[in-house]
Amino acid sequence: MGEIRSERQERRAQRREQAQDRRADRAQQPRVDPGSESNQRGPVAFLRGSYGELKKVEWPGQAQVIQGTVVVLVACVVVGVFLYVNDLVWKQVVQKVLLGQ
């Protein structure tokens, strides 16, 4: 019982330390000025923010685009063939079993 109580106390102490660390981190973060550009709303601020985010994007190279396109095309062909064969099989099932033709 003594071990359980000491483990519990240890976990509580760790949680308290983590909470204190989080509070200290929040206190160190800079406050945003209500009149600053990052806090403005509207279409112009949205477009500026979007443009800024687009500059951060790591765009794929030509080889990656070609490889991705080939993967998508092959997947489309495979799914198309599967659906076509599935349609033929079910057509026969419906005609012979359900309709008795």
PDB file of N, CA and C in Angstrom:
ATOM      1  N   MET A   1       0.821  -1.181   0.000  1.00  0.00           N
ATOM      2  CA  MET A   1       0.000   0.000   0.000  1.00  0.00           C
ATOM      3  C   MET A   1       0.872   1.254   0.000  1.00  0.00           C
ATOM      4  N   GLY A   2       2.004   1.181   0.682  1.00  0.00           N
ATOM      5  CA  GLY A   2       2.916   2.307   0.726  1.00  0.00           C
ATOM      6  C   GLY A   2       3.484   2.632  -0.648  1.00  0.00           C
ATOM      7  N   GLU A   3       3.751   1.560  -1.455  1.00  0.00           N
ATOM      8  CA  GLU A   3       4.270   1.783  -2.802  1.00  0.00           C
ATOM      9  C   GLU A   3       3.245   2.482  -3.673  1.00  0.00           C
ATOM     10  N   ILE A   4       2.010   2.062  -3.585  1.00  0.00           N
ATOM     11  CA  ILE A   4       0.960   2.659  -4.406  1.00  0.00           C
ATOM     12  C   ILE A   4       0.801   4.126  -4.056  1.00  0.00           C
ATOM     13  N   ARG A   5       0.801   4.417  -2.773  1.00  0.00           N
ATOM     14  CA  ARG A   5       0.629   5.796  -2.352  1.00  0.00           C
ATOM     15  C   ARG A   5       1.812   6.650  -2.822  1.00  0.00           C
ATOM     16  N   SER A   6       3.026   6.147  -2.754  1.00  0.00           N
ATOM     17  CA  SER A   6       4.177   6.938  -3.175  1.00  0.00           C
ATOM     18  C   SER A   6       4.176   7.118  -4.688  1.00  0.00           C
ATOM     19  N   GLU A   7       3.760   6.108  -5.456  1.00  0.00           N
ATOM     20  CA  GLU A   7       3.671   6.258  -6.912  1.00  0.00           C
ATOM     21  C   GLU A   7       2.632   7.301  -7.273  1.00  0.00           C
ATOM     22  N   ARG A   8       1.525   7.269  -6.552  1.00  0.00           N
ATOM     23  CA  ARG A   8       0.457   8.237  -6.802  1.00  0.00           C
ATOM     24  C   ARG A   8       0.947   9.649  -6.495  1.00  0.00           C
ATOM     25  N   GLN A   9       1.650   9.786  -5.394  1.00  0.00           N
ATOM     26  CA  GLN A   9       2.169  11.092  -5.033  1.00  0.00           C
ATOM     27  C   GLN A   9       3.184  11.575  -6.063  1.00  0.00           C
ATOM     28  N   GLU A  10       4.001  10.647  -6.558  1.00  0.00           N
ATOM     29  CA  GLU A  10       4.990  11.000  -7.574  1.00  0.00           C
ATOM     30  C   GLU A  10       4.308  11.490  -8.858  1.00  0.00           C
ATOM     31  N   ARG A  11       3.253  10.790  -9.276  1.00  0.00           N
ATOM     32  CA  ARG A  11       2.521  11.215 -10.471  1.00  0.00           C
ATOM     33  C   ARG A  11       1.877  12.580 -10.277  1.00  0.00           C
ATOM     34  N   ARG A  12       1.325  12.814  -9.095  1.00  0.00           N
ATOM     35  CA  ARG A  12       0.727  14.115  -8.816  1.00  0.00           C
ATOM     36  C   ARG A  12       1.776  15.219  -8.873  1.00  0.00           C
ATOM     37  N   ALA A  13       2.936  14.940  -8.318  1.00  0.00           N
ATOM     38  CA  ALA A  13       4.010  15.940  -8.337  1.00  0.00           C
ATOM     39  C   ALA A  13       4.440  16.234  -9.775  1.00  0.00           C
ATOM     40  N   GLN A  14       4.525  15.186 -10.616  1.00  0.00           N
ATOM     41  CA  GLN A  14       4.892  15.395 -12.014  1.00  0.00           C
ATOM     42  C   GLN A  14       3.843  16.231 -12.732  1.00  0.00           C
ATOM     43  N   ARG A  15       2.573  15.955 -12.468  1.00  0.00           N
ATOM     44  CA  ARG A  15       1.508  16.737 -13.097  1.00  0.00           C
ATOM     45  C   ARG A  15       1.567  18.196 -12.674  1.00  0.00           C
ATOM     46  N   ARG A  16       1.853  18.430 -11.397  1.00  0.00           N
ATOM     47  CA  ARG A  16       1.964  19.811 -10.914  1.00  0.00           C
ATOM     48  C   ARG A  16       3.112  20.529 -11.616  1.00  0.00           C
ATOM     49  N   GLU A  17       4.244  19.850 -11.764  1.00  0.00           N
ATOM     50  CA  GLU A  17       5.394  20.454 -12.440  1.00  0.00           C
ATOM     51  C   GLU A  17       5.070  20.764 -13.901  1.00  0.00           C
ATOM     52  N   GLN A  18       4.387  19.827 -14.580  1.00  0.00           N
ATOM     53  CA  GLN A  18       4.023  20.063 -15.974  1.00  0.00           C
ATOM     54  C   GLN A  18       3.078  21.248 -16.098  1.00  0.00           C
ATOM     55  N   ALA A  19       2.130  21.352 -15.180  1.00  0.00           N
ATOM     56  CA  ALA A  19       1.193  22.472 -15.208  1.00  0.00           C
ATOM     57  C   ALA A  19       1.938  23.790 -14.985  1.00  0.00           C
ATOM     58  N   GLN A  20       2.890  23.794 -14.059  1.00  0.00           N
ATOM     59  CA  GLN A  20       3.669  25.007 -13.817  1.00  0.00           C
ATOM     60  C   GLN A  20       4.496  25.368 -15.045  1.00  0.00           C
ATOM     61  N   ASP A  21       5.071  24.359 -15.714  1.00  0.00           N
ATOM     62  CA  ASP A  21       5.835  24.621 -16.932  1.00  0.00           C
ATOM     63  C   ASP A  21       4.954  25.225 -18.021  1.00  0.00           C
ATOM     64  N   ARG A  22       3.738  24.702 -18.151  1.00  0.00           N
ATOM     65  CA  ARG A  22       2.826  25.237 -19.164  1.00  0.00           C
ATOM     66  C   ARG A  22       2.458  26.688 -18.857  1.00  0.00           C
ATOM     67  N   ARG A  23       2.207  26.972 -17.587  1.00  0.00           N
ATOM     68  CA  ARG A  23       1.886  28.348 -17.214  1.00  0.00           C
ATOM     69  C   ARG A  23       3.061  29.270 -17.490  1.00  0.00           C
ATOM     70  N   ALA A  24       4.267  28.812 -17.220  1.00  0.00           N
ATOM     71  CA  ALA A  24       5.458  29.630 -17.471  1.00  0.00           C
ATOM     72  C   ALA A  24       5.636  29.860 -18.974  1.00  0.00           C
ATOM     73  N   ASP A  25       5.366  28.832 -19.784  1.00  0.00           N
ATOM     74  CA  ASP A  25       5.485  28.985 -21.234  1.00  0.00           C
ATOM     75  C   ASP A  25       4.479  29.999 -21.760  1.00  0.00           C
ATOM     76  N   ARG A  26       3.252  29.943 -21.237  1.00  0.00           N
ATOM     77  CA  ARG A  26       2.229  30.893 -21.670  1.00  0.00           C
ATOM     78  C   ARG A  26       2.599  32.314 -21.290  1.00  0.00           C
ATOM     79  N   ALA A  27       3.217  32.481 -20.145  1.00  0.00           N
ATOM     80  CA  ALA A  27       3.593  33.818 -19.692  1.00  0.00           C
ATOM     81  C   ALA A  27       4.692  34.404 -20.571  1.00  0.00           C
ATOM     82  N   GLN A  28       5.532  33.544 -21.158  1.00  0.00           N
ATOM     83  CA  GLN A  28       6.637  34.019 -21.982  1.00  0.00           C
ATOM     84  C   GLN A  28       6.206  34.335 -23.413  1.00  0.00           C
ATOM     85  N   GLN A  29       5.047  33.827 -23.857  1.00  0.00           N
ATOM     86  CA  GLN A  29       4.595  34.085 -25.216  1.00  0.00           C
ATOM     87  C   GLN A  29       4.192  35.540 -25.358  1.00  0.00           C
ATOM     88  N   PRO A  30       4.554  36.158 -26.506  1.00  0.00           N
ATOM     89  CA  PRO A  30       4.197  37.566 -26.693  1.00  0.00           C
ATOM     90  C   PRO A  30       2.694  37.726 -26.893  1.00  0.00           C
ATOM     91  N   ARG A  31       2.169  38.806 -26.363  1.00  0.00           N
ATOM     92  CA  ARG A  31       0.746  39.109 -26.517  1.00  0.00           C
ATOM     93  C   ARG A  31       0.519  39.756 -27.877  1.00  0.00           C
ATOM     94  N   VAL A  32      -0.620  39.450 -28.492  1.00  0.00           N
ATOM     95  CA  VAL A  32      -0.952  40.026 -29.788  1.00  0.00           C
ATOM     96  C   VAL A  32      -1.697  41.325 -29.561  1.00  0.00           C
ATOM     97  N   ASP A  33      -1.216  42.359 -30.235  1.00  0.00           N
ATOM     98  CA  ASP A  33      -1.859  43.666 -30.142  1.00  0.00           C
ATOM     99  C   ASP A  33      -3.187  43.607 -30.899  1.00  0.00           C
ATOM    100  N   PRO A  34      -4.302  44.052 -30.295  1.00  0.00           N
ATOM    101  CA  PRO A  34      -5.601  43.970 -30.967  1.00  0.00           C
ATOM    102  C   PRO A  34      -5.640  44.716 -32.294  1.00  0.00           C
ATOM    103  N   GLY A  35      -4.814  45.718 -32.486  1.00  0.00           N
ATOM    104  CA  GLY A  35      -4.821  46.470 -33.735  1.00  0.00           C
ATOM    105  C   GLY A  35      -3.832  45.954 -34.754  1.00  0.00           C
ATOM    106  N   SER A  36      -3.131  44.872 -34.434  1.00  0.00           N
ATOM    107  CA  SER A  36      -2.113  44.383 -35.356  1.00  0.00           C
ATOM    108  C   SER A  36      -2.749  43.730 -36.576  1.00  0.00           C
ATOM    109  N   GLU A  37      -1.966  43.638 -37.633  1.00  0.00           N
ATOM    110  CA  GLU A  37      -2.456  43.102 -38.904  1.00  0.00           C
ATOM    111  C   GLU A  37      -2.869  41.644 -38.797  1.00  0.00           C
ATOM    112  N   SER A  38      -2.163  40.849 -37.960  1.00  0.00           N
ATOM    113  CA  SER A  38      -2.469  39.425 -37.848  1.00  0.00           C
ATOM    114  C   SER A  38      -3.817  39.186 -37.184  1.00  0.00           C
ATOM    115  N   ASN A  39      -4.352  40.185 -36.503  1.00  0.00           N
ATOM    116  CA  ASN A  39      -5.628  40.028 -35.804  1.00  0.00           C
ATOM    117  C   ASN A  39      -6.781  40.655 -36.597  1.00  0.00           C
ATOM    118  N   GLN A  40      -6.494  41.289 -37.734  1.00  0.00           N
ATOM    119  CA  GLN A  40      -7.546  41.914 -38.530  1.00  0.00           C
ATOM    120  C   GLN A  40      -8.365  40.858 -39.254  1.00  0.00           C
ATOM    121  N   ARG A  41      -9.583  41.236 -39.587  1.00  0.00           N
ATOM    122  CA  ARG A  41     -10.463  40.343 -40.326  1.00  0.00           C
ATOM    123  C   ARG A  41     -10.838  41.019 -41.628  1.00  0.00           C
ATOM    124  N   GLY A  42     -11.291  40.211 -42.558  1.00  0.00           N
ATOM    125  CA  GLY A  42     -11.734  40.760 -43.827  1.00  0.00           C
ATOM    126  C   GLY A  42     -11.016  40.096 -44.986  1.00  0.00           C
ATOM    127  N   PRO A  43     -11.480  40.385 -46.194  1.00  0.00           N
ATOM    128  CA  PRO A  43     -10.923  39.713 -47.373  1.00  0.00           C
ATOM    129  C   PRO A  43      -9.462  40.050 -47.643  1.00  0.00           C
ATOM    130  N   VAL A  44      -9.060  41.272 -47.379  1.00  0.00           N
ATOM    131  CA  VAL A  44      -7.659  41.652 -47.651  1.00  0.00           C
ATOM    132  C   VAL A  44      -6.725  40.905 -46.703  1.00  0.00           C
ATOM    133  N   ALA A  45      -7.086  40.864 -45.425  1.00  0.00           N
ATOM    134  CA  ALA A  45      -6.257  40.139 -44.458  1.00  0.00           C
ATOM    135  C   ALA A  45      -6.231  38.659 -44.783  1.00  0.00           C
ATOM    136  N   PHE A  46      -7.376  38.135 -45.229  1.00  0.00           N
ATOM    137  CA  PHE A  46      -7.430  36.722 -45.612  1.00  0.00           C
ATOM    138  C   PHE A  46      -6.500  36.435 -46.783  1.00  0.00           C
ATOM    139  N   LEU A  47      -6.538  37.289 -47.799  1.00  0.00           N
ATOM    140  CA  LEU A  47      -5.682  37.085 -48.973  1.00  0.00           C
ATOM    141  C   LEU A  47      -4.207  37.215 -48.612  1.00  0.00           C
ATOM    142  N   ARG A  48      -3.867  38.166 -47.755  1.00  0.00           N
ATOM    143  CA  ARG A  48      -2.473  38.304 -47.317  1.00  0.00           C
ATOM    144  C   ARG A  48      -2.012  37.057 -46.565  1.00  0.00           C
ATOM    145  N   GLY A  49      -2.872  36.576 -45.674  1.00  0.00           N
ATOM    146  CA  GLY A  49      -2.527  35.370 -44.927  1.00  0.00           C
ATOM    147  C   GLY A  49      -2.403  34.158 -45.827  1.00  0.00           C
ATOM    148  N   SER A  50      -3.311  34.049 -46.787  1.00  0.00           N
ATOM    149  CA  SER A  50      -3.265  32.916 -47.724  1.00  0.00           C
ATOM    150  C   SER A  50      -1.992  32.967 -48.554  1.00  0.00           C
ATOM    151  N   TYR A  51      -1.644  34.145 -49.046  1.00  0.00           N
ATOM    152  CA  TYR A  51      -0.431  34.292 -49.840  1.00  0.00           C
ATOM    153  C   TYR A  51       0.806  33.936 -49.014  1.00  0.00           C
ATOM    154  N   GLY A  52       0.814  34.373 -47.773  1.00  0.00           N
ATOM    155  CA  GLY A  52       1.941  34.046 -46.889  1.00  0.00           C
ATOM    156  C   GLY A  52       2.059  32.552 -46.656  1.00  0.00           C
ATOM    157  N   GLU A  53       0.916  31.876 -46.488  1.00  0.00           N
ATOM    158  CA  GLU A  53       0.945  30.421 -46.285  1.00  0.00           C
ATOM    159  C   GLU A  53       1.381  29.694 -47.556  1.00  0.00           C
ATOM    160  N   LEU A  54       0.958  30.186 -48.714  1.00  0.00           N
ATOM    161  CA  LEU A  54       1.342  29.548 -49.979  1.00  0.00           C
ATOM    162  C   LEU A  54       2.840  29.657 -50.226  1.00  0.00           C
ATOM    163  N   LYS A  55       3.465  30.724 -49.719  1.00  0.00           N
ATOM    164  CA  LYS A  55       4.917  30.850 -49.878  1.00  0.00           C
ATOM    165  C   LYS A  55       5.655  29.813 -49.032  1.00  0.00           C
ATOM    166  N   LYS A  56       5.008  29.306 -47.971  1.00  0.00           N
ATOM    167  CA  LYS A  56       5.640  28.316 -47.101  1.00  0.00           C
ATOM    168  C   LYS A  56       5.525  26.890 -47.639  1.00  0.00           C
ATOM    169  N   VAL A  57       4.641  26.688 -48.617  1.00  0.00           N
ATOM    170  CA  VAL A  57       4.379  25.338 -49.120  1.00  0.00           C
ATOM    171  C   VAL A  57       5.589  24.815 -49.889  1.00  0.00           C
ATOM    172  N   GLU A  58       5.910  23.553 -49.654  1.00  0.00           N
ATOM    173  CA  GLU A  58       6.969  22.904 -50.428  1.00  0.00           C
ATOM    174  C   GLU A  58       6.296  22.200 -51.609  1.00  0.00           C
ATOM    175  N   TRP A  59       6.338  22.843 -52.769  1.00  0.00           N
ATOM    176  CA  TRP A  59       5.651  22.338 -53.938  1.00  0.00           C
ATOM    177  C   TRP A  59       6.403  21.142 -54.517  1.00  0.00           C
ATOM    178  N   PRO A  60       5.674  20.147 -55.048  1.00  0.00           N
ATOM    179  CA  PRO A  60       6.341  18.966 -55.600  1.00  0.00           C
ATOM    180  C   PRO A  60       7.063  19.301 -56.899  1.00  0.00           C
ATOM    181  N   GLY A  61       8.117  18.541 -57.156  1.00  0.00           N
ATOM    182  CA  GLY A  61       8.855  18.703 -58.399  1.00  0.00           C
ATOM    183  C   GLY A  61       8.145  17.990 -59.542  1.00  0.00           C
ATOM    184  N   GLN A  62       8.690  18.135 -60.730  1.00  0.00           N
ATOM    185  CA  GLN A  62       8.064  17.546 -61.912  1.00  0.00           C
ATOM    186  C   GLN A  62       8.012  16.025 -61.803  1.00  0.00           C
ATOM    187  N   ALA A  63       9.067  15.421 -61.295  1.00  0.00           N
ATOM    188  CA  ALA A  63       9.095  13.959 -61.176  1.00  0.00           C
ATOM    189  C   ALA A  63       8.007  13.466 -60.213  1.00  0.00           C
ATOM    190  N   GLN A  64       7.810  14.183 -59.117  1.00  0.00           N
ATOM    191  CA  GLN A  64       6.770  13.787 -58.162  1.00  0.00           C
ATOM    192  C   GLN A  64       5.380  13.941 -58.759  1.00  0.00           C
ATOM    193  N   VAL A  65       5.177  15.003 -59.546  1.00  0.00           N
ATOM    194  CA  VAL A  65       3.872  15.207 -60.178  1.00  0.00           C
ATOM    195  C   VAL A  65       3.591  14.099 -61.181  1.00  0.00           C
ATOM    196  N   ILE A  66       4.582  13.741 -61.983  1.00  0.00           N
ATOM    197  CA  ILE A  66       4.406  12.674 -62.969  1.00  0.00           C
ATOM    198  C   ILE A  66       4.137  11.349 -62.273  1.00  0.00           C
ATOM    199  N   GLN A  67       4.890  11.053 -61.232  1.00  0.00           N
ATOM    200  CA  GLN A  67       4.701   9.801 -60.502  1.00  0.00           C
ATOM    201  C   GLN A  67       3.304   9.748 -59.883  1.00  0.00           C
ATOM    202  N   GLY A  68       2.857  10.825 -59.280  1.00  0.00           N
ATOM    203  CA  GLY A  68       1.525  10.856 -58.691  1.00  0.00           C
ATOM    204  C   GLY A  68       0.435  10.694 -59.735  1.00  0.00           C
ATOM    205  N   THR A  69       0.625  11.321 -60.897  1.00  0.00           N
ATOM    206  CA  THR A  69      -0.356  11.202 -61.981  1.00  0.00           C
ATOM    207  C   THR A  69      -0.443   9.766 -62.480  1.00  0.00           C
ATOM    208  N   VAL A  70       0.699   9.119 -62.626  1.00  0.00           N
ATOM    209  CA  VAL A  70       0.706   7.727 -63.089  1.00  0.00           C
ATOM    210  C   VAL A  70       0.010   6.829 -62.074  1.00  0.00           C
ATOM    211  N   VAL A  71       0.261   7.043 -60.806  1.00  0.00           N
ATOM    212  CA  VAL A  71      -0.386   6.234 -59.766  1.00  0.00           C
ATOM    213  C   VAL A  71      -1.897   6.396 -59.831  1.00  0.00           C
ATOM    214  N   VAL A  72      -2.375   7.625 -59.999  1.00  0.00           N
ATOM    215  CA  VAL A  72      -3.812   7.871 -60.062  1.00  0.00           C
ATOM    216  C   VAL A  72      -4.415   7.231 -61.310  1.00  0.00           C
ATOM    217  N   LEU A  73      -3.760   7.353 -62.442  1.00  0.00           N
ATOM    218  CA  LEU A  73      -4.284   6.762 -63.678  1.00  0.00           C
ATOM    219  C   LEU A  73      -4.340   5.249 -63.598  1.00  0.00           C
ATOM    220  N   VAL A  74      -3.306   4.624 -63.058  1.00  0.00           N
ATOM    221  CA  VAL A  74      -3.308   3.161 -62.903  1.00  0.00           C
ATOM    222  C   VAL A  74      -4.421   2.733 -61.954  1.00  0.00           C
ATOM    223  N   ALA A  75      -4.601   3.455 -60.865  1.00  0.00           N
ATOM    224  CA  ALA A  75      -5.663   3.128 -59.920  1.00  0.00           C
ATOM    225  C   ALA A  75      -7.027   3.255 -60.592  1.00  0.00           C
ATOM    226  N   CYS A  76      -7.219   4.271 -61.416  1.00  0.00           N
ATOM    227  CA  CYS A  76      -8.496   4.445 -62.124  1.00  0.00           C
ATOM    228  C   CYS A  76      -8.752   3.293 -63.081  1.00  0.00           C
ATOM    229  N   VAL A  77      -7.726   2.855 -63.801  1.00  0.00           N
ATOM    230  CA  VAL A  77      -7.890   1.739 -64.727  1.00  0.00           C
ATOM    231  C   VAL A  77      -8.231   0.462 -63.966  1.00  0.00           C
ATOM    232  N   VAL A  78      -7.536   0.193 -62.872  1.00  0.00           N
ATOM    233  CA  VAL A  78      -7.798  -1.008 -62.087  1.00  0.00           C
ATOM    234  C   VAL A  78      -9.224  -0.994 -61.543  1.00  0.00           C
ATOM    235  N   VAL A  79      -9.661   0.105 -60.994  1.00  0.00           N
ATOM    236  CA  VAL A  79     -11.018   0.197 -60.454  1.00  0.00           C
ATOM    237  C   VAL A  79     -12.041   0.080 -61.580  1.00  0.00           C
ATOM    238  N   GLY A  80     -11.764   0.694 -62.718  1.00  0.00           N
ATOM    239  CA  GLY A  80     -12.676   0.609 -63.863  1.00  0.00           C
ATOM    240  C   GLY A  80     -12.842  -0.811 -64.354  1.00  0.00           C
ATOM    241  N   VAL A  81     -11.745  -1.541 -64.475  1.00  0.00           N
ATOM    242  CA  VAL A  81     -11.807  -2.944 -64.911  1.00  0.00           C
ATOM    243  C   VAL A  81     -12.576  -3.771 -63.880  1.00  0.00           C
ATOM    244  N   PHE A  82     -12.305  -3.541 -62.615  1.00  0.00           N
ATOM    245  CA  PHE A  82     -13.017  -4.273 -61.569  1.00  0.00           C
ATOM    246  C   PHE A  82     -14.520  -4.030 -61.659  1.00  0.00           C
ATOM    247  N   LEU A  83     -14.924  -2.792 -61.809  1.00  0.00           N
ATOM    248  CA  LEU A  83     -16.348  -2.475 -61.896  1.00  0.00           C
ATOM    249  C   LEU A  83     -16.985  -3.067 -63.152  1.00  0.00           C
ATOM    250  N   TYR A  84     -16.260  -3.057 -64.266  1.00  0.00           N
ATOM    251  CA  TYR A  84     -16.776  -3.613 -65.510  1.00  0.00           C
ATOM    252  C   TYR A  84     -17.016  -5.118 -65.370  1.00  0.00           C
ATOM    253  N   VAL A  85     -16.031  -5.824 -64.828  1.00  0.00           N
ATOM    254  CA  VAL A  85     -16.165  -7.274 -64.649  1.00  0.00           C
ATOM    255  C   VAL A  85     -17.278  -7.567 -63.638  1.00  0.00           C
ATOM    256  N   ASN A  86     -17.341  -6.820 -62.584  1.00  0.00           N
ATOM    257  CA  ASN A  86     -18.381  -6.998 -61.581  1.00  0.00           C
ATOM    258  C   ASN A  86     -19.764  -6.783 -62.208  1.00  0.00           C
ATOM    259  N   ASP A  87     -19.899  -5.784 -63.070  1.00  0.00           N
ATOM    260  CA  ASP A  87     -21.161  -5.518 -63.739  1.00  0.00           C
ATOM    261  C   ASP A  87     -21.561  -6.683 -64.646  1.00  0.00           C
ATOM    262  N   LEU A  88     -20.589  -7.230 -65.380  1.00  0.00           N
ATOM    263  CA  LEU A  88     -20.893  -8.372 -66.255  1.00  0.00           C
ATOM    264  C   LEU A  88     -21.375  -9.573 -65.450  1.00  0.00           C
ATOM    265  N   VAL A  89     -20.712  -9.847 -64.344  1.00  0.00           N
ATOM    266  CA  VAL A  89     -21.085 -11.000 -63.515  1.00  0.00           C
ATOM    267  C   VAL A  89     -22.488 -10.805 -62.948  1.00  0.00           C
ATOM    268  N   TRP A  90     -22.777  -9.662 -62.385  1.00  0.00           N
ATOM    269  CA  TRP A  90     -24.090  -9.428 -61.786  1.00  0.00           C
ATOM    270  C   TRP A  90     -25.187  -9.359 -62.831  1.00  0.00           C
ATOM    271  N   LYS A  91     -24.849  -8.924 -64.037  1.00  0.00           N
ATOM    272  CA  LYS A  91     -25.835  -8.924 -65.121  1.00  0.00           C
ATOM    273  C   LYS A  91     -26.291 -10.350 -65.410  1.00  0.00           C
ATOM    274  N   GLN A  92     -25.318 -11.268 -65.464  1.00  0.00           N
ATOM    275  CA  GLN A  92     -25.651 -12.674 -65.710  1.00  0.00           C
ATOM    276  C   GLN A  92     -26.446 -13.263 -64.548  1.00  0.00           C
ATOM    277  N   VAL A  93     -26.065 -12.928 -63.343  1.00  0.00           N
ATOM    278  CA  VAL A  93     -26.770 -13.442 -62.157  1.00  0.00           C
ATOM    279  C   VAL A  93     -28.228 -12.987 -62.172  1.00  0.00           C
ATOM    280  N   VAL A  94     -28.447 -11.715 -62.453  1.00  0.00           N
ATOM    281  CA  VAL A  94     -29.814 -11.183 -62.450  1.00  0.00           C
ATOM    282  C   VAL A  94     -30.619 -11.818 -63.578  1.00  0.00           C
ATOM    283  N   GLN A  95     -30.037 -11.936 -64.769  1.00  0.00           N
ATOM    284  CA  GLN A  95     -30.774 -12.504 -65.898  1.00  0.00           C
ATOM    285  C   GLN A  95     -31.134 -13.965 -65.694  1.00  0.00           C
ATOM    286  N   LYS A  96     -30.196 -14.768 -65.212  1.00  0.00           N
ATOM    287  CA  LYS A  96     -30.435 -16.209 -65.095  1.00  0.00           C
ATOM    288  C   LYS A  96     -31.131 -16.606 -63.809  1.00  0.00           C
ATOM    289  N   VAL A  97     -30.775 -16.001 -62.698  1.00  0.00           N
ATOM    290  CA  VAL A  97     -31.322 -16.448 -61.421  1.00  0.00           C
ATOM    291  C   VAL A  97     -32.614 -15.703 -61.093  1.00  0.00           C
ATOM    292  N   LEU A  98     -32.588 -14.412 -61.183  1.00  0.00           N
ATOM    293  CA  LEU A  98     -33.749 -13.642 -60.752  1.00  0.00           C
ATOM    294  C   LEU A  98     -34.844 -13.557 -61.819  1.00  0.00           C
ATOM    295  N   LEU A  99     -34.430 -13.384 -63.068  1.00  0.00           N
ATOM    296  CA  LEU A  99     -35.423 -13.244 -64.142  1.00  0.00           C
ATOM    297  C   LEU A  99     -35.736 -14.571 -64.833  1.00  0.00           C
ATOM    298  N   GLY A 100     -34.909 -15.586 -64.666  1.00  0.00           N
ATOM    299  CA  GLY A 100     -35.136 -16.897 -65.259  1.00  0.00           C
ATOM    300  C   GLY A 100     -35.034 -16.914 -66.765  1.00  0.00           C
ATOM    301  N   GLN A 101     -34.203 -16.092 -67.327  1.00  0.00           N
ATOM    302  CA  GLN A 101     -34.060 -16.060 -68.794  1.00  0.00           C
ATOM    303  C   GLN A 101     -32.918 -16.915 -69.268  1.00  0.00           C
TER     304      GLN A 101
END
